[in-house]
All heavy atoms as atom14 arrays in JSON, in Angstrom:
{
  "sequence": "ALLPNISNTEDIHVITEKILAELRKPFVLGETQFLATTSIG",
  "atom14_mask": [
    [1, 1, 1, 1, 1, 0, 0, 0, 0, 0, 0, 0, 0, 0],
    [1, 1, 1, 1, 1, 1, 1, 1, 0, 0, 0, 0, 0, 0],
    [1, 1, 1, 1, 1, 1, 1, 1, 0, 0, 0, 0, 0, 0],
    [1, 1, 1, 1, 1, 1, 1, 0, 0, 0, 0, 0, 0, 0],
    [1, 1, 1, 1, 1, 1, 1, 1, 0, 0, 0, 0, 0, 0],
    [1, 1, 1, 1, 1, 1, 1, 1, 0, 0, 0, 0, 0, 0],
    [1, 1, 1, 1, 1, 1, 0, 0, 0, 0, 0, 0, 0, 0],
    [1, 1, 1, 1, 1, 1, 1, 1, 0, 0, 0, 0, 0, 0],
    [1, 1, 1, 1, 1, 1, 1, 0, 0, 0, 0, 0, 0, 0],
    [1, 1, 1, 1, 1, 1, 1, 1, 1, 0, 0, 0, 0, 0],
    [1, 1, 1, 1, 1, 1, 1, 1, 0, 0, 0, 0, 0, 0],
    [1, 1, 1, 1, 1, 1, 1, 1, 0, 0, 0, 0, 0, 0],
    [1, 1, 1, 1, 1, 1, 1, 1, 1, 1, 0, 0, 0, 0],
    [1, 1, 1, 1, 1, 1, 1, 0, 0, 0, 0, 0, 0, 0],
    [1, 1, 1, 1, 1, 1, 1, 1, 0, 0, 0, 0, 0, 0],
    [1, 1, 1, 1, 1, 1, 1, 0, 0, 0, 0, 0, 0, 0],
    [1, 1, 1, 1, 1, 1, 1, 1, 1, 0, 0, 0, 0, 0],
    [1, 1, 1, 1, 1, 1, 1, 1, 1, 0, 0, 0, 0, 0],
    [1, 1, 1, 1, 1, 1, 1, 1, 0, 0, 0, 0, 0, 0],
    [1, 1, 1, 1, 1, 1, 1, 1, 0, 0, 0, 0, 0, 0],
    [1, 1, 1, 1, 1, 0, 0, 0, 0, 0, 0, 0, 0, 0],
    [1, 1, 1, 1, 1, 1, 1, 1, 1, 0, 0, 0, 0, 0],
    [1, 1, 1, 1, 1, 1, 1, 1, 0, 0, 0, 0, 0, 0],
    [1, 1, 1, 1, 1, 1, 1, 1, 1, 1, 1, 0, 0, 0],
    [1, 1, 1, 1, 1, 1, 1, 1, 1, 0, 0, 0, 0, 0],
    [1, 1, 1, 1, 1, 1, 1, 0, 0, 0, 0, 0, 0, 0],
    [1, 1, 1, 1, 1, 1, 1, 1, 1, 1, 1, 0, 0, 0],
    [1, 1, 1, 1, 1, 1, 1, 0, 0, 0, 0, 0, 0, 0],
    [1, 1, 1, 1, 1, 1, 1, 1, 0, 0, 0, 0, 0, 0],
    [1, 1, 1, 1, 0, 0, 0, 0, 0, 0, 0, 0, 0, 0],
    [1, 1, 1, 1, 1, 1, 1, 1, 1, 0, 0, 0, 0, 0],
    [1, 1, 1, 1, 1, 1, 1, 0, 0, 0, 0, 0, 0, 0],
    [1, 1, 1, 1, 1, 1, 1, 1, 1, 0, 0, 0, 0, 0],
    [1, 1, 1, 1, 1, 1, 1, 1, 1, 1, 1, 0, 0, 0],
    [1, 1, 1, 1, 1, 1, 1, 1, 0, 0, 0, 0, 0, 0],
    [1, 1, 1, 1, 1, 0, 0, 0, 0, 0, 0, 0, 0, 0],
    [1, 1, 1, 1, 1, 1, 1, 0, 0, 0, 0, 0, 0, 0],
    [1, 1, 1, 1, 1, 1, 1, 0, 0, 0, 0, 0, 0, 0],
    [1, 1, 1, 1, 1, 1, 0, 0, 0, 0, 0, 0, 0, 0],
    [1, 1, 1, 1, 1, 1, 1, 1, 0, 0, 0, 0, 0, 0],
    [1, 1, 1, 1, 0, 0, 0, 0, 0, 0, 0, 0, 0, 0]
  ],
  "atom14_positions": [
    [[-23.07, 43.63, -16.78], [-23.75, 42.35, -16.51], [-25.2, 42.7, -16.3], [-25.52, 43.58, -15.39], [-23.17, 41.57, -15.28], [0.0, 0.0, 0.0], [0.0, 0.0, 0.0], [0.0, 0.0, 0.0], [0.0, 0.0, 0.0], [0.0, 0.0, 0.0], [0.0, 0.0, 0.0], [0.0, 0.0, 0.0], [0.0, 0.0, 0.0], [0.0, 0.0, 0.0]],
    [[-26.12, 42.22, -16.99], [-27.6, 42.4, -16.83], [-28.16, 41.28, -16.18], [-28.01, 40.11, -16.43], [-28.19, 42.63, -18.22], [-29.72, 42.47, -18.23], [-30.39, 43.72, -17.43], [-30.29, 42.53, -19.71], [0.0, 0.0, 0.0], [0.0, 0.0, 0.0], [0.0, 0.0, 0.0], [0.0, 0.0, 0.0], [0.0, 0.0, 0.0], [0.0, 0.0, 0.0]],
    [[-28.75, 41.6, -15.07], [-29.46, 40.58, -14.17], [-31.06, 40.74, -14.28], [-31.59, 41.64, -13.65], [-29.06, 40.67, -12.73], [-27.55, 40.85, -12.46], [-27.23, 40.93, -10.88], [-26.77, 39.68, -13.14], [0.0, 0.0, 0.0], [0.0, 0.0, 0.0], [0.0, 0.0, 0.0], [0.0, 0.0, 0.0], [0.0, 0.0, 0.0], [0.0, 0.0, 0.0]],
    [[-31.74, 40.09, -15.19], [-33.08, 40.33, -15.44], [-34.03, 39.74, -14.42], [-35.18, 40.21, -14.28], [-33.36, 39.82, -16.75], [-32.38, 38.6, -16.84], [-31.1, 39.16, -16.05], [0.0, 0.0, 0.0], [0.0, 0.0, 0.0], [0.0, 0.0, 0.0], [0.0, 0.0, 0.0], [0.0, 0.0, 0.0], [0.0, 0.0, 0.0], [0.0, 0.0, 0.0]],
    [[-33.59, 38.77, -13.76], [-34.43, 38.07, -12.61], [-33.77, 38.02, -11.31], [-32.95, 37.18, -10.87], [-34.72, 36.56, -13.15], [-35.37, 36.51, -14.66], [-36.17, 37.31, -14.75], [-34.89, 35.57, -15.39], [0.0, 0.0, 0.0], [0.0, 0.0, 0.0], [0.0, 0.0, 0.0], [0.0, 0.0, 0.0], [0.0, 0.0, 0.0], [0.0, 0.0, 0.0]],
    [[-34.21, 39.1, -10.61], [-33.78, 39.16, -9.23], [-35.01, 39.21, -8.31], [-35.88, 39.98, -8.58], [-32.64, 40.23, -9.0], [-33.25, 41.66, -9.48], [-31.51, 39.99, -9.66], [-32.43, 42.83, -9.14], [0.0, 0.0, 0.0], [0.0, 0.0, 0.0], [0.0, 0.0, 0.0], [0.0, 0.0, 0.0], [0.0, 0.0, 0.0], [0.0, 0.0, 0.0]],
    [[-34.82, 38.63, -7.15], [-36.06, 38.74, -6.15], [-35.88, 39.81, -5.09], [-36.6, 40.38, -4.57], [-36.3, 37.37, -5.52], [-35.16, 36.95, -4.89], [0.0, 0.0, 0.0], [0.0, 0.0, 0.0], [0.0, 0.0, 0.0], [0.0, 0.0, 0.0], [0.0, 0.0, 0.0], [0.0, 0.0, 0.0], [0.0, 0.0, 0.0], [0.0, 0.0, 0.0]],
    [[-34.47, 40.04, -4.85], [-34.12, 41.15, -3.85], [-32.64, 41.46, -4.0], [-31.93, 40.97, -4.9], [-34.25, 40.43, -2.34], [-33.73, 39.25, -2.18], [-32.41, 39.03, -2.38], [-34.35, 38.04, -1.96], [0.0, 0.0, 0.0], [0.0, 0.0, 0.0], [0.0, 0.0, 0.0], [0.0, 0.0, 0.0], [0.0, 0.0, 0.0], [0.0, 0.0, 0.0]],
    [[-32.33, 42.49, -3.23], [-30.91, 43.03, -3.44], [-29.88, 41.96, -3.07], [-28.66, 42.17, -3.39], [-30.67, 44.15, -2.53], [-31.13, 44.11, -1.14], [-31.66, 45.43, -2.97], [0.0, 0.0, 0.0], [0.0, 0.0, 0.0], [0.0, 0.0, 0.0], [0.0, 0.0, 0.0], [0.0, 0.0, 0.0], [0.0, 0.0, 0.0], [0.0, 0.0, 0.0]],
    [[-30.17, 41.02, -2.25], [-29.28, 39.94, -1.76], [-28.7, 39.3, -3.04], [-27.65, 38.82, -3.14], [-29.82, 39.01, -0.79], [-28.89, 37.94, -0.26], [-27.71, 38.48, 0.4], [-27.87, 39.62, 0.89], [-26.69, 37.9, 0.53], [0.0, 0.0, 0.0], [0.0, 0.0, 0.0], [0.0, 0.0, 0.0], [0.0, 0.0, 0.0], [0.0, 0.0, 0.0]],
    [[-29.65, 39.07, -4.1], [-29.15, 38.35, -5.27], [-28.11, 39.1, -5.95], [-27.07, 38.58, -6.54], [-30.4, 38.31, -6.25], [-31.49, 37.32, -5.72], [-31.25, 36.6, -4.85], [-32.59, 37.29, -6.32], [0.0, 0.0, 0.0], [0.0, 0.0, 0.0], [0.0, 0.0, 0.0], [0.0, 0.0, 0.0], [0.0, 0.0, 0.0], [0.0, 0.0, 0.0]],
    [[-28.33, 40.47, -5.96], [-27.27, 41.44, -6.69], [-25.97, 41.35, -5.76], [-24.84, 41.21, -6.43], [-27.75, 42.78, -6.63], [-29.12, 42.9, -7.35], [-26.73, 43.77, -7.48], [-29.73, 44.24, -7.33], [0.0, 0.0, 0.0], [0.0, 0.0, 0.0], [0.0, 0.0, 0.0], [0.0, 0.0, 0.0], [0.0, 0.0, 0.0], [0.0, 0.0, 0.0]],
    [[-26.05, 41.32, -4.49], [-24.86, 41.29, -3.6], [-24.08, 40.02, -3.86], [-22.84, 40.07, -3.96], [-25.28, 41.43, -2.17], [-24.14, 41.37, -1.2], [-23.24, 42.42, -1.06], [-23.73, 40.33, -0.28], [-22.37, 42.03, -0.03], [-22.71, 40.82, 0.25], [0.0, 0.0, 0.0], [0.0, 0.0, 0.0], [0.0, 0.0, 0.0], [0.0, 0.0, 0.0]],
    [[-24.87, 38.88, -3.88], [-24.07, 37.63, -4.04], [-23.27, 37.57, -5.3], [-22.06, 37.2, -5.34], [-25.11, 36.42, -4.12], [-24.41, 35.13, -4.53], [-25.68, 36.27, -2.64], [0.0, 0.0, 0.0], [0.0, 0.0, 0.0], [0.0, 0.0, 0.0], [0.0, 0.0, 0.0], [0.0, 0.0, 0.0], [0.0, 0.0, 0.0], [0.0, 0.0, 0.0]],
    [[-23.93, 37.98, -6.47], [-23.16, 37.99, -7.8], [-22.1, 39.01, -7.82], [-21.04, 38.68, -8.27], [-24.21, 38.23, -8.89], [-25.17, 37.15, -8.98], [-23.45, 38.34, -10.3], [-26.27, 37.32, -9.98], [0.0, 0.0, 0.0], [0.0, 0.0, 0.0], [0.0, 0.0, 0.0], [0.0, 0.0, 0.0], [0.0, 0.0, 0.0], [0.0, 0.0, 0.0]],
    [[-22.27, 40.25, -7.17], [-21.19, 41.26, -7.26], [-19.95, 40.89, -6.45], [-18.84, 40.88, -6.9], [-21.76, 42.57, -6.64], [-22.86, 42.89, -7.32], [-20.68, 43.63, -6.64], [0.0, 0.0, 0.0], [0.0, 0.0, 0.0], [0.0, 0.0, 0.0], [0.0, 0.0, 0.0], [0.0, 0.0, 0.0], [0.0, 0.0, 0.0], [0.0, 0.0, 0.0]],
    [[-20.25, 40.15, -5.18], [-19.2, 39.72, -4.47], [-18.38, 38.58, -5.07], [-17.16, 38.41, -5.11], [-19.69, 39.2, -3.15], [-20.03, 40.39, -2.17], [-18.91, 41.31, -1.83], [-17.77, 40.79, -1.65], [-19.09, 42.58, -1.99], [0.0, 0.0, 0.0], [0.0, 0.0, 0.0], [0.0, 0.0, 0.0], [0.0, 0.0, 0.0], [0.0, 0.0, 0.0]],
    [[-19.15, 37.79, -5.82], [-18.57, 36.63, -6.59], [-17.65, 37.21, -7.76], [-16.44, 36.69, -7.92], [-19.59, 35.77, -7.26], [-19.13, 34.5, -7.79], [-20.15, 33.63, -8.17], [-19.67, 32.17, -8.74], [-20.93, 31.39, -9.1], [0.0, 0.0, 0.0], [0.0, 0.0, 0.0], [0.0, 0.0, 0.0], [0.0, 0.0, 0.0], [0.0, 0.0, 0.0]],
    [[-18.07, 38.2, -8.38], [-17.21, 38.9, -9.42], [-16.05, 39.5, -8.81], [-14.9, 39.21, -9.29], [-18.04, 39.95, -10.09], [-19.11, 39.34, -10.93], [-17.18, 40.91, -11.03], [-20.08, 40.37, -11.7], [0.0, 0.0, 0.0], [0.0, 0.0, 0.0], [0.0, 0.0, 0.0], [0.0, 0.0, 0.0], [0.0, 0.0, 0.0], [0.0, 0.0, 0.0]],
    [[-16.22, 40.29, -7.76], [-14.94, 40.85, -7.14], [-13.94, 39.78, -6.73], [-12.72, 40.05, -6.96], [-15.42, 41.62, -5.9], [-16.05, 42.97, -6.16], [-16.7, 43.57, -4.97], [-15.07, 44.01, -6.79], [0.0, 0.0, 0.0], [0.0, 0.0, 0.0], [0.0, 0.0, 0.0], [0.0, 0.0, 0.0], [0.0, 0.0, 0.0], [0.0, 0.0, 0.0]],
    [[-14.45, 38.72, -5.99], [-13.5, 37.72, -5.63], [-12.87, 36.9, -6.76], [-11.69, 36.61, -6.82], [-14.26, 36.64, -4.74], [0.0, 0.0, 0.0], [0.0, 0.0, 0.0], [0.0, 0.0, 0.0], [0.0, 0.0, 0.0], [0.0, 0.0, 0.0], [0.0, 0.0, 0.0], [0.0, 0.0, 0.0], [0.0, 0.0, 0.0], [0.0, 0.0, 0.0]],
    [[-13.55, 36.7, -7.88], [-13.02, 36.05, -9.05], [-11.97, 36.89, -9.74], [-10.92, 36.39, -10.05], [-14.16, 35.67, -9.99], [-13.67, 34.72, -11.14], [-13.32, 33.35, -10.67], [-13.91, 33.02, -9.66], [-12.58, 32.76, -11.36], [0.0, 0.0, 0.0], [0.0, 0.0, 0.0], [0.0, 0.0, 0.0], [0.0, 0.0, 0.0], [0.0, 0.0, 0.0]],
    [[-12.27, 38.08, -9.8], [-11.23, 39.09, -10.51], [-10.08, 39.36, -9.65], [-8.99, 39.9, -10.15], [-11.95, 40.26, -10.97], [-12.98, 40.16, -12.05], [-13.5, 41.35, -12.62], [-12.46, 39.2, -13.28], [0.0, 0.0, 0.0], [0.0, 0.0, 0.0], [0.0, 0.0, 0.0], [0.0, 0.0, 0.0], [0.0, 0.0, 0.0], [0.0, 0.0, 0.0]],
    [[-10.17, 39.12, -8.31], [-8.98, 39.37, -7.45], [-7.93, 38.12, -7.56], [-6.78, 38.37, -7.1], [-9.45, 39.44, -5.97], [-9.99, 40.95, -5.72], [-10.68, 40.87, -4.4], [-11.32, 42.18, -4.13], [-12.36, 42.43, -3.35], [-12.92, 41.39, -2.84], [-12.86, 43.53, -3.17], [0.0, 0.0, 0.0], [0.0, 0.0, 0.0], [0.0, 0.0, 0.0]],
    [[-8.41, 37.05, -8.08], [-7.58, 35.89, -8.34], [-6.45, 36.3, -9.27], [-6.49, 37.03, -10.27], [-8.22, 34.79, -8.7], [-9.33, 34.17, -7.78], [-9.98, 33.05, -8.23], [-11.06, 32.49, -7.26], [-11.9, 31.35, -7.72], [0.0, 0.0, 0.0], [0.0, 0.0, 0.0], [0.0, 0.0, 0.0], [0.0, 0.0, 0.0], [0.0, 0.0, 0.0]],
    [[-5.23, 35.69, -9.05], [-4.08, 36.13, -10.03], [-4.49, 35.64, -11.45], [-5.09, 34.66, -11.75], [-2.95, 35.24, -9.51], [-3.19, 34.89, -8.16], [-4.83, 34.89, -7.94], [0.0, 0.0, 0.0], [0.0, 0.0, 0.0], [0.0, 0.0, 0.0], [0.0, 0.0, 0.0], [0.0, 0.0, 0.0], [0.0, 0.0, 0.0], [0.0, 0.0, 0.0]],
    [[-4.0, 36.5, -12.44], [-4.1, 36.12, -13.79], [-2.78, 35.6, -14.25], [-1.77, 36.2, -13.98], [-4.48, 37.35, -14.52], [-5.96, 37.73, -14.49], [-6.23, 38.61, -13.42], [-6.93, 37.39, -15.27], [-7.46, 39.11, -13.22], [-8.18, 37.78, -15.1], [-8.49, 38.78, -14.15], [0.0, 0.0, 0.0], [0.0, 0.0, 0.0], [0.0, 0.0, 0.0]],
    [[-2.75, 34.46, -14.94], [-1.55, 33.83, -15.39], [-1.76, 33.76, -16.97], [-2.5, 33.05, -17.51], [-1.36, 32.41, -14.85], [-0.11, 31.82, -15.49], [-1.3, 32.4, -13.31], [0.0, 0.0, 0.0], [0.0, 0.0, 0.0], [0.0, 0.0, 0.0], [0.0, 0.0, 0.0], [0.0, 0.0, 0.0], [0.0, 0.0, 0.0], [0.0, 0.0, 0.0]],
    [[-0.91, 34.64, -17.64], [-0.87, 34.66, -19.09], [0.56, 34.36, -19.68], [1.35, 35.08, -19.32], [-1.33, 36.13, -19.58], [-2.77, 36.52, -19.17], [-3.0, 37.95, -19.52], [-3.84, 35.58, -19.58], [0.0, 0.0, 0.0], [0.0, 0.0, 0.0], [0.0, 0.0, 0.0], [0.0, 0.0, 0.0], [0.0, 0.0, 0.0], [0.0, 0.0, 0.0]],
    [[0.64, 33.2, -20.24], [2.06, 32.78, -20.48], [2.76, 32.53, -19.35], [2.41, 31.72, -18.41], [0.0, 0.0, 0.0], [0.0, 0.0, 0.0], [0.0, 0.0, 0.0], [0.0, 0.0, 0.0], [0.0, 0.0, 0.0], [0.0, 0.0, 0.0], [0.0, 0.0, 0.0], [0.0, 0.0, 0.0], [0.0, 0.0, 0.0], [0.0, 0.0, 0.0]],
    [[3.93, 33.14, -19.21], [4.84, 32.98, -18.1], [4.61, 34.18, -17.16], [5.36, 34.27, -16.02], [6.29, 32.94, -18.49], [6.54, 31.77, -19.43], [7.95, 31.69, -19.89], [8.72, 32.71, -19.48], [8.41, 30.65, -20.49], [0.0, 0.0, 0.0], [0.0, 0.0, 0.0], [0.0, 0.0, 0.0], [0.0, 0.0, 0.0], [0.0, 0.0, 0.0]],
    [[3.71, 34.95, -17.38], [3.46, 36.18, -16.47], [2.21, 35.94, -15.67], [1.21, 35.55, -16.0], [3.2, 37.49, -17.44], [4.32, 37.54, -18.42], [3.12, 38.62, -16.49], [0.0, 0.0, 0.0], [0.0, 0.0, 0.0], [0.0, 0.0, 0.0], [0.0, 0.0, 0.0], [0.0, 0.0, 0.0], [0.0, 0.0, 0.0], [0.0, 0.0, 0.0]],
    [[2.49, 36.27, -14.39], [1.39, 36.24, -13.42], [1.26, 37.57, -12.76], [2.3, 38.27, -12.38], [1.66, 35.24, -12.27], [0.63, 35.25, -11.16], [0.83, 34.08, -10.16], [1.02, 32.95, -10.54], [0.83, 34.42, -8.87], [0.0, 0.0, 0.0], [0.0, 0.0, 0.0], [0.0, 0.0, 0.0], [0.0, 0.0, 0.0], [0.0, 0.0, 0.0]],
    [[0.07, 38.11, -12.64], [-0.09, 39.46, -11.96], [-1.56, 39.53, -11.51], [-2.49, 38.72, -11.79], [0.03, 40.55, -13.06], [-0.76, 40.56, -14.26], [-2.0, 40.96, -14.41], [-0.36, 39.81, -15.36], [-2.74, 40.96, -15.42], [-1.11, 39.64, -16.52], [-2.34, 40.29, -16.56], [0.0, 0.0, 0.0], [0.0, 0.0, 0.0], [0.0, 0.0, 0.0]],
    [[-1.78, 40.59, -10.72], [-3.1, 40.75, -9.97], [-3.78, 41.93, -10.69], [-3.07, 42.91, -11.19], [-2.87, 41.05, -8.55], [-2.3, 39.96, -7.71], [-2.02, 40.31, -6.18], [-3.08, 38.58, -7.69], [0.0, 0.0, 0.0], [0.0, 0.0, 0.0], [0.0, 0.0, 0.0], [0.0, 0.0, 0.0], [0.0, 0.0, 0.0], [0.0, 0.0, 0.0]],
    [[-5.03, 41.89, -10.69], [-5.88, 43.0, -11.22], [-7.06, 43.1, -10.36], [-7.6, 42.12, -9.83], [-6.31, 42.67, -12.69], [0.0, 0.0, 0.0], [0.0, 0.0, 0.0], [0.0, 0.0, 0.0], [0.0, 0.0, 0.0], [0.0, 0.0, 0.0], [0.0, 0.0, 0.0], [0.0, 0.0, 0.0], [0.0, 0.0, 0.0], [0.0, 0.0, 0.0]],
    [[-7.5, 44.26, -10.14], [-8.78, 44.62, -9.42], [-9.86, 45.28, -10.31], [-9.41, 45.69, -11.43], [-8.54, 45.34, -8.24], [-7.87, 46.63, -8.63], [-7.58, 44.79, -7.14], [0.0, 0.0, 0.0], [0.0, 0.0, 0.0], [0.0, 0.0, 0.0], [0.0, 0.0, 0.0], [0.0, 0.0, 0.0], [0.0, 0.0, 0.0], [0.0, 0.0, 0.0]],
    [[-10.99, 45.49, -9.74], [-12.06, 45.92, -10.61], [-12.94, 46.83, -9.73], [-13.11, 46.71, -8.48], [-12.99, 44.98, -11.3], [-13.86, 45.49, -12.05], [-13.61, 44.08, -10.2], [0.0, 0.0, 0.0], [0.0, 0.0, 0.0], [0.0, 0.0, 0.0], [0.0, 0.0, 0.0], [0.0, 0.0, 0.0], [0.0, 0.0, 0.0], [0.0, 0.0, 0.0]],
    [[-13.63, 47.97, -10.49], [-14.49, 48.88, -9.81], [-15.84, 48.56, -10.4], [-16.02, 48.49, -11.57], [-14.1, 50.3, -9.99], [-12.85, 50.6, -9.37], [0.0, 0.0, 0.0], [0.0, 0.0, 0.0], [0.0, 0.0, 0.0], [0.0, 0.0, 0.0], [0.0, 0.0, 0.0], [0.0, 0.0, 0.0], [0.0, 0.0, 0.0], [0.0, 0.0, 0.0]],
    [[-16.8, 48.46, -9.48], [-18.24, 48.11, -10.03], [-19.22, 49.03, -9.5], [-19.27, 49.45, -8.29], [-18.53, 46.62, -9.42], [-17.54, 45.54, -10.05], [-19.99, 46.22, -9.71], [-17.79, 44.15, -9.44], [0.0, 0.0, 0.0], [0.0, 0.0, 0.0], [0.0, 0.0, 0.0], [0.0, 0.0, 0.0], [0.0, 0.0, 0.0], [0.0, 0.0, 0.0]],
    [[-20.12, 49.48, -10.41], [-21.2, 50.37, -10.12], [-22.52, 49.57, -10.35], [-22.57, 48.73, -11.33], [0.0, 0.0, 0.0], [0.0, 0.0, 0.0], [0.0, 0.0, 0.0], [0.0, 0.0, 0.0], [0.0, 0.0, 0.0], [0.0, 0.0, 0.0], [0.0, 0.0, 0.0], [0.0, 0.0, 0.0], [0.0, 0.0, 0.0], [0.0, 0.0, 0.0]]
  ]
}
């Protein structure tokens, strides 16, 4: 994810936390539900 317009590190933190929270939600594909996590640099 490229963030070309940021004013401070808080902008990065907000988006990063949002990504982590969103990808921690269960994935439902067909009749299968499972959890997935992610590592972010």
